PDB file of all heavy atoms in Angstrom:
ATOM      1  N   ILE A   1      66.029 -19.188  14.074  1.00  0.00           N
ATOM      2  CA  ILE A   1      66.637 -17.866  13.960  1.00  0.00           C
ATOM      3  C   ILE A   1      65.571 -16.842  13.533  1.00  0.00           C
ATOM      4  O   ILE A   1      65.785 -15.605  13.696  1.00  0.00           O
ATOM      5  CB  ILE A   1      67.892 -17.846  13.089  1.00  0.00           C
ATOM      6  CG1 ILE A   1      67.553 -18.283  11.663  1.00  0.00           C
ATOM      7  CG2 ILE A   1      69.011 -18.699  13.640  1.00  0.00           C
ATOM      8  CD1 ILE A   1      68.698 -18.126  10.645  1.00  0.00           C
ATOM      9  N   TYR A   2      64.534 -17.286  12.835  1.00  0.00           N
ATOM     10  CA  TYR A   2      63.495 -16.303  12.366  1.00  0.00           C
ATOM     11  C   TYR A   2      62.158 -17.044  12.455  1.00  0.00           C
ATOM     12  O   TYR A   2      61.972 -18.036  11.762  1.00  0.00           O
ATOM     13  CB  TYR A   2      63.791 -15.796  11.002  1.00  0.00           C
ATOM     14  CG  TYR A   2      62.702 -14.953  10.467  1.00  0.00           C
ATOM     15  CD1 TYR A   2      62.370 -13.737  11.030  1.00  0.00           C
ATOM     16  CD2 TYR A   2      61.884 -15.402   9.390  1.00  0.00           C
ATOM     17  CE1 TYR A   2      61.327 -12.933  10.533  1.00  0.00           C
ATOM     18  CE2 TYR A   2      60.843 -14.603   8.839  1.00  0.00           C
ATOM     19  CZ  TYR A   2      60.590 -13.388   9.482  1.00  0.00           C
ATOM     20  OH  TYR A   2      59.561 -12.644   8.972  1.00  0.00           O
ATOM     21  N   ASP A   3      61.240 -16.443  13.200  1.00  0.00           N
ATOM     22  CA  ASP A   3      59.853 -16.988  13.279  1.00  0.00           C
ATOM     23  C   ASP A   3      58.937 -16.001  12.605  1.00  0.00           C
ATOM     24  O   ASP A   3      58.669 -14.874  13.020  1.00  0.00           O
ATOM     25  CB  ASP A   3      59.437 -17.138  14.726  1.00  0.00           C
ATOM     26  CG  ASP A   3      58.035 -17.782  14.881  1.00  0.00           C
ATOM     27  OD1 ASP A   3      57.388 -18.091  13.836  1.00  0.00           O
ATOM     28  OD2 ASP A   3      57.616 -18.001  16.021  1.00  0.00           O
ATOM     29  N   ARG A   4      58.384 -16.472  11.436  1.00  0.00           N
ATOM     30  CA  ARG A   4      57.609 -15.557  10.622  1.00  0.00           C
ATOM     31  C   ARG A   4      56.352 -15.133  11.367  1.00  0.00           C
ATOM     32  O   ARG A   4      55.806 -14.054  11.099  1.00  0.00           O
ATOM     33  CB  ARG A   4      57.161 -16.477   9.324  1.00  0.00           C
ATOM     34  CG  ARG A   4      56.071 -15.913   8.560  1.00  0.00           C
ATOM     35  CD  ARG A   4      56.352 -14.640   7.811  1.00  0.00           C
ATOM     36  NE  ARG A   4      55.259 -14.244   6.982  1.00  0.00           N
ATOM     37  CZ  ARG A   4      55.108 -13.015   6.507  1.00  0.00           C
ATOM     38  NH1 ARG A   4      56.038 -12.055   6.800  1.00  0.00           N
ATOM     39  NH2 ARG A   4      54.134 -12.717   5.684  1.00  0.00           N
ATOM     40  N   TYR A   5      55.790 -15.978  12.259  1.00  0.00           N
ATOM     41  CA  TYR A   5      54.528 -15.666  12.948  1.00  0.00           C
ATOM     42  C   TYR A   5      54.722 -15.243  14.373  1.00  0.00           C
ATOM     43  O   TYR A   5      53.752 -15.378  15.135  1.00  0.00           O
ATOM     44  CB  TYR A   5      53.646 -16.942  12.800  1.00  0.00           C
ATOM     45  CG  TYR A   5      53.236 -17.186  11.360  1.00  0.00           C
ATOM     46  CD1 TYR A   5      53.949 -18.206  10.660  1.00  0.00           C
ATOM     47  CD2 TYR A   5      52.316 -16.425  10.679  1.00  0.00           C
ATOM     48  CE1 TYR A   5      53.654 -18.435   9.318  1.00  0.00           C
ATOM     49  CE2 TYR A   5      51.995 -16.733   9.452  1.00  0.00           C
ATOM     50  CZ  TYR A   5      52.697 -17.638   8.703  1.00  0.00           C
ATOM     51  OH  TYR A   5      52.377 -17.968   7.368  1.00  0.00           O
ATOM     52  N   LYS A   6      55.902 -14.828  14.668  1.00  0.00           N
ATOM     53  CA  LYS A   6      56.097 -14.345  16.118  1.00  0.00           C
ATOM     54  C   LYS A   6      55.236 -13.090  16.351  1.00  0.00           C
ATOM     55  O   LYS A   6      54.742 -12.856  17.442  1.00  0.00           O
ATOM     56  CB  LYS A   6      57.523 -14.095  16.364  1.00  0.00           C
ATOM     57  CG  LYS A   6      57.804 -13.723  17.781  1.00  0.00           C
ATOM     58  CD  LYS A   6      59.364 -13.658  18.062  1.00  0.00           C
ATOM     59  CE  LYS A   6      59.614 -13.365  19.563  1.00  0.00           C
ATOM     60  NZ  LYS A   6      61.046 -13.295  19.803  1.00  0.00           N
ATOM     61  N   ALA A   7      55.259 -12.178  15.312  1.00  0.00           N
ATOM     62  CA  ALA A   7      54.494 -10.964  15.468  1.00  0.00           C
ATOM     63  C   ALA A   7      53.025 -11.216  15.552  1.00  0.00           C
ATOM     64  O   ALA A   7      52.437 -11.938  14.650  1.00  0.00           O
ATOM     65  CB  ALA A   7      54.700 -10.045  14.280  1.00  0.00           C
ATOM     66  N   PRO A   8      52.287 -10.765  16.608  1.00  0.00           N
ATOM     67  CA  PRO A   8      50.872 -11.169  16.797  1.00  0.00           C
ATOM     68  C   PRO A   8      50.018 -10.717  15.559  1.00  0.00           C
ATOM     69  O   PRO A   8      48.955 -11.339  15.388  1.00  0.00           O
ATOM     70  CB  PRO A   8      50.494 -10.528  18.046  1.00  0.00           C
ATOM     71  CG  PRO A   8      51.521  -9.465  18.283  1.00  0.00           C
ATOM     72  CD  PRO A   8      52.765  -9.959  17.644  1.00  0.00           C
ATOM     73  N   GLU A   9      50.345  -9.602  14.826  1.00  0.00           N
ATOM     74  CA  GLU A   9      49.503  -9.180  13.747  1.00  0.00           C
ATOM     75  C   GLU A   9      49.336 -10.242  12.664  1.00  0.00           C
ATOM     76  O   GLU A   9      48.341 -10.309  11.960  1.00  0.00           O
ATOM     77  CB  GLU A   9      50.039  -7.932  13.170  1.00  0.00           C
ATOM     78  CG  GLU A   9      50.325  -6.825  14.136  1.00  0.00           C
ATOM     79  CD  GLU A   9      51.723  -6.994  14.777  1.00  0.00           C
ATOM     80  OE1 GLU A   9      52.726  -7.185  14.069  1.00  0.00           O
ATOM     81  OE2 GLU A   9      51.807  -6.965  16.026  1.00  0.00           O
ATOM     82  N   ARG A  10      50.431 -11.069  12.508  1.00  0.00           N
ATOM     83  CA  ARG A  10      50.393 -12.044  11.467  1.00  0.00           C
ATOM     84  C   ARG A  10      49.569 -13.254  11.781  1.00  0.00           C
ATOM     85  O   ARG A  10      49.359 -14.131  10.969  1.00  0.00           O
ATOM     86  CB  ARG A  10      51.829 -12.485  11.136  1.00  0.00           C
ATOM     87  CG  ARG A  10      52.630 -11.395  10.492  1.00  0.00           C
ATOM     88  CD  ARG A  10      54.062 -11.827  10.198  1.00  0.00           C
ATOM     89  NE  ARG A  10      54.786 -10.654   9.604  1.00  0.00           N
ATOM     90  CZ  ARG A  10      56.081 -10.472   9.733  1.00  0.00           C
ATOM     91  NH1 ARG A  10      56.813 -11.273  10.524  1.00  0.00           N
ATOM     92  NH2 ARG A  10      56.622  -9.443   9.194  1.00  0.00           N
ATOM     93  N   ASN A  11      49.155 -13.367  13.028  1.00  0.00           N
ATOM     94  CA  ASN A  11      48.280 -14.472  13.418  1.00  0.00           C
ATOM     95  C   ASN A  11      46.797 -14.134  13.445  1.00  0.00           C
ATOM     96  O   ASN A  11      45.882 -15.000  13.723  1.00  0.00           O
ATOM     97  CB  ASN A  11      48.663 -15.019  14.800  1.00  0.00           C
ATOM     98  CG  ASN A  11      50.005 -15.728  14.739  1.00  0.00           C
ATOM     99  OD1 ASN A  11      50.238 -16.617  13.928  1.00  0.00           O
ATOM    100  ND2 ASN A  11      50.927 -15.343  15.626  1.00  0.00           N
ATOM    101  N   LYS A  12      46.468 -12.833  13.210  1.00  0.00           N
ATOM    102  CA  LYS A  12      45.141 -12.405  13.347  1.00  0.00           C
ATOM    103  C   LYS A  12      44.431 -12.576  11.968  1.00  0.00           C
ATOM    104  O   LYS A  12      44.974 -12.344  10.938  1.00  0.00           O
ATOM    105  CB  LYS A  12      45.091 -10.900  13.682  1.00  0.00           C
ATOM    106  CG  LYS A  12      45.534 -10.588  15.108  1.00  0.00           C
ATOM    107  CD  LYS A  12      45.479  -9.111  15.323  1.00  0.00           C
ATOM    108  CE  LYS A  12      45.908  -8.783  16.812  1.00  0.00           C
ATOM    109  NZ  LYS A  12      45.898  -7.362  17.059  1.00  0.00           N
ATOM    110  N   PRO A  13      43.138 -13.056  11.992  1.00  0.00           N
ATOM    111  CA  PRO A  13      42.434 -13.200  10.727  1.00  0.00           C
ATOM    112  C   PRO A  13      42.037 -11.769  10.150  1.00  0.00           C
ATOM    113  O   PRO A  13      41.870 -10.860  10.919  1.00  0.00           O
ATOM    114  CB  PRO A  13      41.160 -13.982  11.125  1.00  0.00           C
ATOM    115  CG  PRO A  13      40.920 -13.646  12.569  1.00  0.00           C
ATOM    116  CD  PRO A  13      42.419 -13.519  13.110  1.00  0.00           C
ATOM    117  N   ASN A  14      41.937 -11.758   8.818  1.00  0.00           N
ATOM    118  CA  ASN A  14      41.391 -10.566   8.153  1.00  0.00           C
ATOM    119  C   ASN A  14      39.886 -10.587   8.343  1.00  0.00           C
ATOM    120  O   ASN A  14      39.179 -11.401   7.805  1.00  0.00           O
ATOM    121  CB  ASN A  14      41.803 -10.527   6.722  1.00  0.00           C
ATOM    122  CG  ASN A  14      41.458  -9.269   5.984  1.00  0.00           C
ATOM    123  OD1 ASN A  14      40.450  -8.633   6.242  1.00  0.00           O
ATOM    124  ND2 ASN A  14      42.263  -8.842   5.101  1.00  0.00           N
ATOM    125  N   LEU A  15      39.321  -9.578   9.068  1.00  0.00           N
ATOM    126  CA  LEU A  15      37.895  -9.559   9.327  1.00  0.00           C
ATOM    127  C   LEU A  15      37.034  -9.255   8.133  1.00  0.00           C
ATOM    128  O   LEU A  15      35.825  -9.410   8.139  1.00  0.00           O
ATOM    129  CB  LEU A  15      37.589  -8.549  10.464  1.00  0.00           C
ATOM    130  CG  LEU A  15      38.324  -8.749  11.842  1.00  0.00           C
ATOM    131  CD1 LEU A  15      37.854  -7.733  12.822  1.00  0.00           C
ATOM    132  CD2 LEU A  15      38.103 -10.242  12.332  1.00  0.00           C
ATOM    133  N   TYR A  16      37.646  -8.752   7.055  1.00  0.00           N
ATOM    134  CA  TYR A  16      36.838  -8.337   5.931  1.00  0.00           C
ATOM    135  C   TYR A  16      37.122  -9.133   4.674  1.00  0.00           C
ATOM    136  O   TYR A  16      36.630  -8.785   3.537  1.00  0.00           O
ATOM    137  CB  TYR A  16      37.183  -6.871   5.672  1.00  0.00           C
ATOM    138  CG  TYR A  16      36.949  -5.971   6.846  1.00  0.00           C
ATOM    139  CD1 TYR A  16      38.044  -5.456   7.606  1.00  0.00           C
ATOM    140  CD2 TYR A  16      35.614  -5.601   7.178  1.00  0.00           C
ATOM    141  CE1 TYR A  16      37.703  -4.793   8.777  1.00  0.00           C
ATOM    142  CE2 TYR A  16      35.359  -4.827   8.306  1.00  0.00           C
ATOM    143  CZ  TYR A  16      36.439  -4.406   9.103  1.00  0.00           C
ATOM    144  OH  TYR A  16      36.177  -3.645  10.144  1.00  0.00           O
ATOM    145  N   SER A  17      37.886 -10.247   4.765  1.00  0.00           N
ATOM    146  CA  SER A  17      38.134 -11.026   3.601  1.00  0.00           C
ATOM    147  C   SER A  17      38.330 -12.485   3.907  1.00  0.00           C
ATOM    148  O   SER A  17      39.326 -12.861   4.483  1.00  0.00           O
ATOM    149  CB  SER A  17      39.388 -10.480   2.854  1.00  0.00           C
ATOM    150  OG  SER A  17      39.721 -11.284   1.776  1.00  0.00           O
ATOM    151  N   TRP A  18      37.321 -13.304   3.512  1.00  0.00           N
ATOM    152  CA  TRP A  18      37.492 -14.833   3.628  1.00  0.00           C
ATOM    153  C   TRP A  18      38.614 -15.216   2.674  1.00  0.00           C
ATOM    154  O   TRP A  18      39.406 -16.052   3.031  1.00  0.00           O
ATOM    155  CB  TRP A  18      36.154 -15.428   3.224  1.00  0.00           C
ATOM    156  CG  TRP A  18      36.272 -16.927   3.315  1.00  0.00           C
ATOM    157  CD1 TRP A  18      35.891 -17.673   4.369  1.00  0.00           C
ATOM    158  CD2 TRP A  18      36.599 -17.788   2.223  1.00  0.00           C
ATOM    159  NE1 TRP A  18      36.125 -19.001   4.043  1.00  0.00           N
ATOM    160  CE2 TRP A  18      36.503 -19.149   2.775  1.00  0.00           C
ATOM    161  CE3 TRP A  18      37.007 -17.633   0.921  1.00  0.00           C
ATOM    162  CZ2 TRP A  18      36.811 -20.223   1.961  1.00  0.00           C
ATOM    163  CZ3 TRP A  18      37.296 -18.725   0.139  1.00  0.00           C
ATOM    164  CH2 TRP A  18      37.195 -20.026   0.674  1.00  0.00           C
ATOM    165  N   ARG A  19      38.744 -14.571   1.539  1.00  0.00           N
ATOM    166  CA  ARG A  19      39.730 -14.943   0.555  1.00  0.00           C
ATOM    167  C   ARG A  19      41.088 -14.804   1.076  1.00  0.00           C
ATOM    168  O   ARG A  19      41.980 -15.593   0.928  1.00  0.00           O
ATOM    169  CB  ARG A  19      39.566 -14.141  -0.771  1.00  0.00           C
ATOM    170  CG  ARG A  19      40.498 -14.459  -1.886  1.00  0.00           C
ATOM    171  CD  ARG A  19      40.285 -13.509  -3.056  1.00  0.00           C
ATOM    172  NE  ARG A  19      41.149 -13.901  -4.162  1.00  0.00           N
ATOM    173  CZ  ARG A  19      40.808 -14.753  -5.136  1.00  0.00           C
ATOM    174  NH1 ARG A  19      39.657 -15.350  -5.061  1.00  0.00           N
ATOM    175  NH2 ARG A  19      41.669 -15.047  -6.062  1.00  0.00           N
ATOM    176  N   ALA A  20      41.366 -13.622   1.820  1.00  0.00           N
ATOM    177  CA  ALA A  20      42.703 -13.374   2.328  1.00  0.00           C
ATOM    178  C   ALA A  20      43.108 -14.414   3.329  1.00  0.00           C
ATOM    179  O   ALA A  20      44.287 -14.741   3.557  1.00  0.00           O
ATOM    180  CB  ALA A  20      42.761 -12.027   2.978  1.00  0.00           C
ATOM    181  N   ASN A  21      42.092 -14.962   4.116  1.00  0.00           N
ATOM    182  CA  ASN A  21      42.387 -15.961   5.166  1.00  0.00           C
ATOM    183  C   ASN A  21      42.645 -17.389   4.610  1.00  0.00           C
ATOM    184  O   ASN A  21      43.289 -18.140   5.273  1.00  0.00           O
ATOM    185  CB  ASN A  21      41.238 -15.922   6.190  1.00  0.00           C
ATOM    186  CG  ASN A  21      41.218 -14.620   6.938  1.00  0.00           C
ATOM    187  OD1 ASN A  21      42.198 -14.026   7.285  1.00  0.00           O
ATOM    188  ND2 ASN A  21      39.950 -14.212   7.232  1.00  0.00           N
ATOM    189  N   ASN A  22      42.018 -17.675   3.446  1.00  0.00           N
ATOM    190  CA  ASN A  22      42.011 -19.114   3.026  1.00  0.00           C
ATOM    191  C   ASN A  22      42.741 -19.396   1.738  1.00  0.00           C
ATOM    192  O   ASN A  22      43.036 -20.542   1.480  1.00  0.00           O
ATOM    193  CB  ASN A  22      40.558 -19.514   2.908  1.00  0.00           C
ATOM    194  CG  ASN A  22      39.860 -19.604   4.194  1.00  0.00           C
ATOM    195  OD1 ASN A  22      39.938 -20.615   4.913  1.00  0.00           O
ATOM    196  ND2 ASN A  22      39.198 -18.537   4.564  1.00  0.00           N
ATOM    197  N   LEU A  23      43.085 -18.363   0.934  1.00  0.00           N
ATOM    198  CA  LEU A  23      43.748 -18.701  -0.375  1.00  0.00           C
ATOM    199  C   LEU A  23      45.201 -18.224  -0.338  1.00  0.00           C
ATOM    200  O   LEU A  23      45.563 -17.380   0.498  1.00  0.00           O
ATOM    201  CB  LEU A  23      43.000 -17.922  -1.460  1.00  0.00           C
ATOM    202  CG  LEU A  23      41.522 -18.372  -1.658  1.00  0.00           C
ATOM    203  CD1 LEU A  23      40.962 -17.620  -2.928  1.00  0.00           C
ATOM    204  CD2 LEU A  23      41.422 -19.865  -1.864  1.00  0.00           C
ATOM    205  N   PHE A  24      46.007 -18.806  -1.216  1.00  0.00           N
ATOM    206  CA  PHE A  24      47.418 -18.529  -1.239  1.00  0.00           C
ATOM    207  C   PHE A  24      47.698 -17.068  -1.671  1.00  0.00           C
ATOM    208  O   PHE A  24      47.111 -16.542  -2.533  1.00  0.00           O
ATOM    209  CB  PHE A  24      48.035 -19.455  -2.279  1.00  0.00           C
ATOM    210  CG  PHE A  24      49.499 -19.102  -2.517  1.00  0.00           C
ATOM    211  CD1 PHE A  24      50.462 -19.413  -1.658  1.00  0.00           C
ATOM    212  CD2 PHE A  24      49.803 -18.479  -3.717  1.00  0.00           C
ATOM    213  CE1 PHE A  24      51.811 -19.020  -1.927  1.00  0.00           C
ATOM    214  CE2 PHE A  24      51.133 -18.152  -3.999  1.00  0.00           C
ATOM    215  CZ  PHE A  24      52.073 -18.422  -3.003  1.00  0.00           C
TER     216      PHE A  24
END
C-alpha cells in the first residue's frame, strides 16, 4: 500500500556526501 522508494528522488545518491549515502 506504500512504497517508500517509489519516488525517483529517494533512489538517487547524494553527490556531495558519502556519509549521507552510507550511514543511518
